[in-house]
């Protein structure tokens, strides 16, 4: 989505954007558009020695120090009434200082601080599977926005595709109980999360 690319533009010297995204031509049907594509997961050549054709496969990272900084920053930002804004800014600035060339520490407070932490989670954790739980934790629901180039996506402008929006109360925010679990446990035999 265009907003993700725009988020990185706040800091033009952000090494994450320079390393993880590449502007390239993408063809959809008879139309070609020039968009940024994520190349964050280059893979581990050790997994493709046999020429499997899956060079993007890599080892799962159990913990990333960047995520720990963001967890701490968010926790302190949420305790702002206790005067923890400064601690949250310290964690946020430490992370940004390692990612943005020439970065100068910034000071935020209150809701602005929390929004900066949220934006930094997008920048740092893009494509790693955190967005669902972040949105769920923040009670924000999910709203897609405009694509970088609507000419090269399926059903551009459609409320079911490009502009899909799910409120935080939508049943799809609560995953179904796997049928194998229901079958294996007689105590939940006739139970399932609503609407599944």
Protein backbone atom coordinates (compact mmCIF):
# COMPACT_ATOMS: atom_id res chain seq x y z
CA UNK A 1 0.00 0.00 0.00
CA UNK A 2 1.11 3.51 -0.72
CA UNK A 3 0.90 4.64 2.90
CA UNK A 4 3.58 2.11 3.94
CA UNK A 5 6.02 3.51 1.37
CA UNK A 6 5.08 7.05 2.44
CA UNK A 7 5.81 6.20 6.09
CA UNK A 8 9.46 5.61 5.25
CA UNK A 9 9.70 8.94 3.40
CA UNK A 10 9.60 10.81 6.72
CA UNK A 11 13.26 9.84 7.09
CA UNK A 12 14.94 9.75 3.64
CA UNK A 13 18.13 8.25 5.11
CA UNK A 14 16.34 5.25 6.61
CA UNK A 15 18.56 2.27 5.79
CA UNK A 16 15.60 -0.11 6.12
CA UNK A 17 13.84 1.38 3.13
CA UNK A 18 17.05 1.54 1.13
CA UNK A 19 17.80 -2.13 1.90
CA UNK A 20 14.35 -3.72 1.89
CA UNK A 21 12.55 -2.05 -1.00
CA UNK A 22 13.38 -1.78 -4.66
CA UNK A 23 11.48 0.17 -7.28
CA UNK A 24 10.77 -2.15 -10.17
CA UNK A 25 8.37 -2.78 -13.03
CA UNK A 26 5.50 -5.13 -12.18
CA UNK A 27 3.18 -6.48 -14.86
CA UNK A 28 -0.45 -7.42 -14.24
CA UNK A 29 -2.21 -8.61 -17.35
CA UNK A 30 -1.32 -6.17 -20.10
CA UNK A 31 -0.45 -3.33 -17.73
CA UNK A 32 2.97 -2.59 -16.26
CA UNK A 33 3.47 -0.27 -13.31
CA UNK A 34 6.61 0.92 -11.58
CA UNK A 35 6.23 0.29 -7.84
CA UNK A 36 8.30 -0.46 -4.75
CA UNK A 37 8.56 -4.17 -4.00
CA UNK A 38 9.75 -5.65 -0.71
CA UNK A 39 13.04 -7.57 -0.87
CA UNK A 40 13.46 -7.78 2.90
CA UNK A 41 13.67 -11.56 2.96
CA UNK A 42 16.57 -12.46 0.72
CA UNK A 43 16.82 -15.93 2.16
CA UNK A 44 19.64 -18.17 3.22
CA UNK A 45 21.57 -19.85 0.42
CA UNK A 46 22.20 -22.83 2.72
CA UNK A 47 18.54 -23.77 2.27
CA UNK A 48 18.72 -23.75 -1.52
CA UNK A 49 21.85 -25.84 -2.14
CA UNK A 50 19.79 -28.46 -3.96
CA UNK A 51 18.26 -25.83 -6.25
CA UNK A 52 14.78 -26.12 -4.80
CA UNK A 53 13.72 -22.85 -6.36
CA UNK A 54 12.87 -21.33 -2.97
CA UNK A 55 15.80 -18.98 -2.36
CA UNK A 56 13.70 -16.77 -0.04
CA UNK A 57 13.56 -19.42 2.69
CA UNK A 58 15.37 -18.32 5.82
CA UNK A 59 15.61 -19.24 9.47
CA UNK A 60 12.93 -17.88 11.75
CA UNK A 61 14.20 -15.24 14.15
CA UNK A 62 12.83 -16.14 17.57
CA UNK A 63 13.59 -12.70 19.02
CA UNK A 64 14.69 -9.49 17.43
CA UNK A 65 16.26 -6.82 19.59
CA UNK A 66 14.42 -4.17 17.55
CA UNK A 67 11.10 -5.68 18.56
CA UNK A 68 12.17 -5.59 22.21
CA UNK A 69 12.93 -1.86 21.93
CA UNK A 70 9.50 -1.30 20.39
CA UNK A 71 7.74 -3.36 23.06
CA UNK A 72 9.44 -1.31 25.78
CA UNK A 73 8.70 1.97 24.00
CA UNK A 74 5.01 1.11 23.66
CA UNK A 75 4.74 -0.07 27.27
CA UNK A 76 6.32 3.13 28.58
CA UNK A 77 4.22 5.26 26.21
CA UNK A 78 1.07 3.67 27.60
CA UNK A 79 2.20 4.56 31.14
CA UNK A 80 2.63 8.20 30.25
CA UNK A 81 0.57 9.29 33.24
CA UNK A 82 3.44 7.93 35.34
CA UNK A 83 5.95 10.19 33.61
CA UNK A 84 7.40 7.44 31.43
CA UNK A 85 7.34 9.40 28.16
CA UNK A 86 11.07 10.03 28.45
CA UNK A 87 11.82 6.31 28.80
CA UNK A 88 9.64 5.53 25.78
CA UNK A 89 11.45 8.19 23.74
CA UNK A 90 14.81 6.75 24.79
CA UNK A 91 13.91 3.33 23.37
CA UNK A 92 12.37 4.81 20.23
CA UNK A 93 15.35 7.10 19.61
CA UNK A 94 17.86 4.30 20.23
CA UNK A 95 16.23 2.15 17.57
CA UNK A 96 15.87 4.99 15.09
CA UNK A 97 19.47 6.04 15.68
CA UNK A 98 20.60 2.63 14.43
CA UNK A 99 18.33 2.72 11.38
CA UNK A 100 18.43 6.32 10.16
CA UNK A 101 21.72 7.93 9.12
CA UNK A 102 22.27 11.23 10.90
CA UNK A 103 19.20 10.79 13.10
CA UNK A 104 18.69 13.38 15.83
CA UNK A 105 16.76 12.33 18.94
CA UNK A 106 13.20 13.59 19.12
CA UNK A 107 10.89 14.11 22.08
CA UNK A 108 7.24 13.13 21.99
CA UNK A 109 4.52 12.98 24.61
CA UNK A 110 1.07 11.52 25.04
CA UNK A 111 -0.88 10.29 22.03
CA UNK A 112 1.74 11.65 19.61
CA UNK A 113 4.34 9.42 21.25
CA UNK A 114 2.13 6.36 20.95
CA UNK A 115 1.45 7.12 17.27
CA UNK A 116 5.20 7.41 16.62
CA UNK A 117 5.78 4.00 18.24
CA UNK A 118 3.03 2.53 16.05
CA UNK A 119 4.58 4.00 12.90
CA UNK A 120 7.98 2.66 13.92
CA UNK A 121 6.50 -0.82 14.33
CA UNK A 122 5.33 -0.61 10.71
CA UNK A 123 8.76 0.53 9.50
CA UNK A 124 10.77 -2.00 11.47
CA UNK A 125 8.54 -5.07 11.44
CA UNK A 126 7.05 -4.80 7.95
CA UNK A 127 6.26 -8.20 6.46
CA UNK A 128 7.12 -10.17 9.61
CA UNK A 129 3.58 -11.01 10.70
CA UNK A 130 3.13 -8.51 13.54
CA UNK A 131 0.50 -6.26 11.96
CA UNK A 132 -2.50 -8.47 12.79
CA UNK A 133 -1.71 -8.67 16.51
CA UNK A 134 -0.75 -4.99 16.61
CA UNK A 135 -4.10 -3.90 15.16
CA UNK A 136 -5.95 -6.31 17.42
CA UNK A 137 -4.10 -5.05 20.52
CA UNK A 138 -4.75 -1.43 19.58
CA UNK A 139 -8.44 -2.12 18.86
CA UNK A 140 -8.12 -0.36 15.50
CA UNK A 141 -9.70 -2.79 13.10
CA UNK A 142 -8.29 -3.05 9.62
CA UNK A 143 -8.60 -0.71 6.68
CA UNK A 144 -6.69 -1.12 3.45
CA UNK A 145 -5.89 2.00 1.53
CA UNK A 146 -4.84 2.98 -1.95
CA UNK A 147 -2.32 0.84 -3.75
CA UNK A 148 0.88 2.31 -5.12
CA UNK A 149 -0.53 1.77 -8.62
CA UNK A 150 -4.21 0.76 -8.86
CA UNK A 151 -3.70 -0.37 -12.46
CA UNK A 152 -1.73 -3.45 -11.45
CA UNK A 153 -3.93 -4.92 -8.70
CA UNK A 154 -7.08 -7.02 -8.67
CA UNK A 155 -10.32 -5.05 -8.41
CA UNK A 156 -8.84 -1.65 -7.70
CA UNK A 157 -11.17 0.56 -5.68
CA UNK A 158 -13.27 -2.40 -4.54
CA UNK A 159 -14.45 -2.48 -0.93
CA UNK A 160 -13.74 -6.23 -0.90
CA UNK A 161 -10.15 -5.97 -2.11
CA UNK A 162 -8.12 -2.76 -2.29
CA UNK A 163 -10.28 -0.79 0.14
CA UNK A 164 -11.40 -3.62 2.44
CA UNK A 165 -12.34 -2.41 5.91
CA UNK A 166 -13.06 -4.57 8.98
CA UNK A 167 -14.07 -2.98 12.28
CA UNK A 168 -12.41 -4.35 15.44
CA UNK A 169 -15.70 -6.10 16.29
CA UNK A 170 -15.73 -8.16 13.05
CA UNK A 171 -15.86 -11.90 13.70
CA UNK A 172 -12.71 -12.44 11.59
CA UNK A 173 -10.59 -10.83 14.31
CA UNK A 174 -11.23 -13.95 16.39
CA UNK A 175 -9.91 -17.01 14.61
CA UNK A 176 -11.90 -20.23 14.51
CA UNK A 177 -11.08 -23.07 16.85
CA UNK A 178 -9.41 -25.71 14.64
CA UNK A 179 -11.74 -28.63 13.93
CA UNK A 180 -9.01 -31.08 14.99
CA UNK A 181 -9.00 -29.45 18.45
CA UNK A 182 -12.79 -29.67 18.71
CA UNK A 183 -12.68 -33.33 17.63
CA UNK A 184 -9.93 -34.14 20.13
CA UNK A 185 -11.62 -32.50 23.12
CA UNK A 186 -15.13 -33.73 23.99
CA UNK A 187 -15.62 -30.80 26.39
CA UNK A 188 -15.71 -28.36 23.48
CA UNK A 189 -17.45 -30.72 21.03
CA UNK A 190 -20.29 -28.36 20.14
CA UNK A 191 -18.40 -25.09 20.55
CA UNK A 192 -16.96 -22.77 17.96
CA UNK A 193 -16.26 -19.06 17.83
CA UNK A 194 -19.24 -17.08 16.49
CA UNK A 195 -19.91 -17.08 12.74
CA UNK A 196 -17.51 -19.93 11.89
